[in-house]
Amino acid sequence: MKSKAKTPRAKKSSLAPASAGDRITYRELRNTPGRVWERLAANEILTLVAEGDAKALVIPIRDGNARDALEAYKRGRAMMALASIRRTARENGTSRMTLAEINEVIRETRAERRANRGS
């Protein structure tokens, strides 16, 4: 019986978030899917890596309800986008604008757009 060679694991990058879990390569997923299933059964979150870059997260779904898991993922992305918008607003000072200032910017922008449509 042939002994299986161990599939090398991708090196952990210092740029990878600690909460991303273990990294697996596409080759490991293709060649040893059983190990990947075992890790998912143990509730590990895996980062799929190709050519040294993280390409996807592979997450376990306990109850088999992929629709709810996808919805939770989408909500999480929306929360991250909102946090980014807020951070940018703090950095460029727009978070300190008053409602009157915001409404004035809106009025000016709408007036410019109307003027550009007429040209």
Protein backbone atom coordinates (compact mmCIF):
# COMPACT_ATOMS: atom_id res chain seq x y z
CA MET A 1 0.00 0.00 0.00
CA LYS A 2 1.36 3.39 -0.98
CA SER A 3 1.83 5.96 1.71
CA LYS A 4 0.27 9.30 0.99
CA ALA A 5 2.55 12.28 1.00
CA LYS A 6 1.41 15.11 3.19
CA THR A 7 0.01 18.03 1.25
CA PRO A 8 1.91 21.17 2.21
CA ARG A 9 -0.24 23.82 3.80
CA ALA A 10 -0.11 27.41 2.68
CA LYS A 11 2.03 29.57 4.94
CA LYS A 12 0.09 31.83 7.22
CA SER A 13 0.42 35.41 6.10
CA SER A 14 0.80 38.19 8.61
CA LEU A 15 -1.72 40.09 6.49
CA ALA A 16 -4.42 37.47 7.02
CA PRO A 17 -6.89 38.29 9.79
CA ALA A 18 -6.53 36.00 12.78
CA SER A 19 -10.26 35.23 12.72
CA ALA A 20 -10.08 33.95 9.13
CA GLY A 21 -9.11 30.53 10.48
CA ASP A 22 -6.77 28.11 8.80
CA ARG A 23 -5.71 28.57 5.22
CA ILE A 24 -6.10 25.79 2.64
CA THR A 25 -4.87 25.72 -0.90
CA TYR A 26 -6.93 24.86 -3.94
CA ARG A 27 -4.67 21.82 -4.39
CA GLU A 28 -5.42 20.62 -0.86
CA LEU A 29 -9.14 21.04 -1.48
CA ARG A 30 -8.89 19.07 -4.72
CA ASN A 31 -6.51 16.33 -3.53
CA THR A 32 -7.70 15.77 0.04
CA PRO A 33 -11.34 16.85 0.26
CA GLY A 34 -11.92 14.45 3.15
CA ARG A 35 -9.57 16.43 5.37
CA VAL A 36 -11.39 19.63 4.44
CA TRP A 37 -14.75 18.03 5.33
CA GLU A 38 -13.32 16.91 8.67
CA ARG A 39 -12.17 20.42 9.45
CA LEU A 40 -15.55 21.85 8.48
CA ALA A 41 -17.25 19.23 10.68
CA ALA A 42 -15.08 20.57 13.52
CA ASN A 43 -16.55 24.05 12.81
CA GLU A 44 -13.31 25.46 11.43
CA ILE A 45 -13.56 28.48 9.14
CA LEU A 46 -11.14 27.99 6.27
CA THR A 47 -9.56 30.53 3.94
CA LEU A 48 -9.13 29.22 0.40
CA VAL A 49 -5.81 30.43 -0.98
CA ALA A 50 -4.69 30.48 -4.61
CA GLU A 51 -1.30 31.79 -5.70
CA GLY A 52 -0.67 33.07 -2.19
CA ASP A 53 -3.77 35.26 -2.07
CA ALA A 54 -6.94 34.64 -0.08
CA LYS A 55 -9.75 34.04 -2.56
CA ALA A 56 -12.69 32.79 -0.50
CA LEU A 57 -13.90 31.72 2.91
CA VAL A 58 -15.21 28.21 3.36
CA ILE A 59 -17.55 28.15 6.34
CA PRO A 60 -19.45 25.29 7.96
CA ILE A 61 -23.24 25.46 7.90
CA ARG A 62 -24.52 23.51 10.89
CA ASP A 63 -28.17 23.11 10.02
CA GLY A 64 -27.73 22.91 6.25
CA ASN A 65 -29.58 26.19 5.76
CA ALA A 66 -27.38 27.85 3.16
CA ARG A 67 -29.94 30.59 2.48
CA ASP A 68 -29.77 31.90 6.08
CA ALA A 69 -25.98 31.60 6.10
CA LEU A 70 -25.78 33.64 2.89
CA GLU A 71 -28.15 36.25 4.33
CA ALA A 72 -25.96 36.55 7.43
CA TYR A 73 -22.89 36.95 5.20
CA LYS A 74 -24.59 39.70 3.17
CA ARG A 75 -25.61 41.54 6.33
CA GLY A 76 -22.07 41.31 7.61
CA ARG A 77 -20.70 42.77 4.36
CA ALA A 78 -23.23 45.61 4.56
CA MET A 79 -22.14 46.35 8.13
CA MET A 80 -18.49 46.39 7.03
CA ALA A 81 -19.31 48.76 4.15
CA LEU A 82 -21.16 51.10 6.51
CA ALA A 83 -18.23 51.05 8.96
CA SER A 84 -15.91 51.97 6.07
CA ILE A 85 -18.17 54.85 5.01
CA ARG A 86 -18.30 56.15 8.58
CA ARG A 87 -14.53 55.88 8.97
CA THR A 88 -14.00 57.82 5.73
CA ALA A 89 -16.48 60.48 6.87
CA ARG A 90 -14.59 60.88 10.15
CA GLU A 91 -11.26 61.11 8.30
CA ASN A 92 -12.38 63.78 5.82
CA GLY A 93 -14.51 65.74 8.31
CA THR A 94 -17.90 65.20 6.69
CA SER A 95 -19.14 63.40 9.81
CA ARG A 96 -19.19 66.77 11.57
CA MET A 97 -21.47 68.44 9.01
CA THR A 98 -24.76 69.82 10.29
CA LEU A 99 -28.07 68.90 8.70
CA ALA A 100 -28.26 72.39 7.19
CA GLU A 101 -24.81 71.93 5.58
CA ILE A 102 -25.79 68.53 4.20
CA ASN A 103 -29.02 69.92 2.74
CA GLU A 104 -27.07 72.78 1.13
CA VAL A 105 -24.69 70.32 -0.56
CA ILE A 106 -27.69 68.36 -1.82
CA ARG A 107 -29.32 71.52 -3.20
CA GLU A 108 -26.11 72.58 -4.94
CA THR A 109 -25.55 69.13 -6.43
CA ARG A 110 -29.13 68.93 -7.73
CA ALA A 111 -28.86 72.41 -9.25
CA GLU A 112 -25.60 71.43 -11.01
CA ARG A 113 -27.19 68.27 -12.38
CA ARG A 114 -30.21 70.18 -13.68
CA ALA A 115 -27.93 72.71 -15.34
CA ASN A 116 -25.83 69.93 -16.95
CA ARG A 117 -28.93 68.19 -18.32
CA GLY A 118 -30.03 71.39 -20.04
CA SER A 119 -26.66 71.91 -21.80
